[in-house]
Amino acid sequence: MTVARPLIVIVGLALLWQAIAWLADLPPYILPGPIRVLEAYGAHGLRMLGHAGITLIEMVLGLLIGALLGASLALTLAYFRPVRPWLLPILVASQAVPVFALAPILVLWFGYGIASKVVMASLVIFFPVAAATFDGLRRTDIGWLDLAETMGASRWRRLRHVQIPAALPAFASGLRVAAAVAPIGAVVGEWVGSSAGLGYLMLQANGRMQIDVMFAALLMLAVIGVALYFAVDFGLKRAVPWLGEARAPNGGPTT
C-alpha cells in the first residue's frame, strides 16, 4: 500500500489535469494535457535526461557545499560567542538579498558553466541548514550541559559530545528543507546564463513555444527534487537512527 498511495495520487492529479484541459477547452500553448506532455517525453526524452543530469549534479554539489558551510557557521556561532553579533547579521543579510538579484553577479564572477549554478544552489541551501543547526545547538537541554560541566568536560567536549548530538535532529530538519529548495538555486542560475540544464531547456522551449516540452521539463525537475528529498531523508534515518518518527503505544504515529 505504501507504493500504491503515491501512484493513486499521481494518477488522480493527471486525470484532474486532463479534465481541466478538456473542459476549459484551453489551447495546447496555454495548458497542454498530460497526454501531450507524455508525447514530449517520447520525442525529447534523451535530450531531457542529459539536461536533467546536469541540473542534478548542480543540486547535489550545492547541497553538499551549502550544508557544510551552514553547519560550520552554526558551530562557529555556538562555540565562539563573541563573534555572534558580527556573524548573525551576515547570516540574515545573505537571505535578505533576493536570489534573482545575485544570479547575474554570480554568473559574471564564476562564468556560464556549472560553478555559478553550484554557488547559487549553495547560497539557497546555506541558510536553512545554518539557522536550524544553530537553533538546535543553543537549545540543548541545560541539564545535560550542567551534568557534563560537573563531570569536568571542557567547553569543546561539551560541544562535541553533548550539543552536537542533541542538535542532529534540528540539523536533519534543516537539511530536509535544503533538499526541497535545492532546485531553486540551480534553475535560477540556469535561467540567467547557461548552456545546459533543465532551466536552460525550459527557456529554449519557451522561446520556441514548445509548451509541452516546458511542462515535461518542469515535471522532471519536480521528480528530481522529490527524489533528492527522500534520498536525504533515507540517508539521515540510517545515519542517525534516533531521528525516526515517534510512535504511540498502539503503533501509530503520535499526534
Foldseek 3Di string as FASTA:
>chain_A
DVVVVVVVVVVVVLVVLQVCCVVVVDDVLVRNHPVLLVVLCVVCVVQLVQQAVLLLVLLVLLLVLLLVLLLVVLLCCLQPVVCCVVCVVVLVVLVVDDLLVCLVVLCVVVNQDSVSLSVQLSSLLNNLLNVLLNVQLVPFDVVLVVVCVVVPHDSVCCCVVGRNLSSLLSNLVSSLVSLLCSSVSNLSNVCNHYDGHLNVVLVVCVVVSVVSSNVSSVVSSVVSSVVSSVVSVVVSCVVNVVSDAPADPVGHGDD
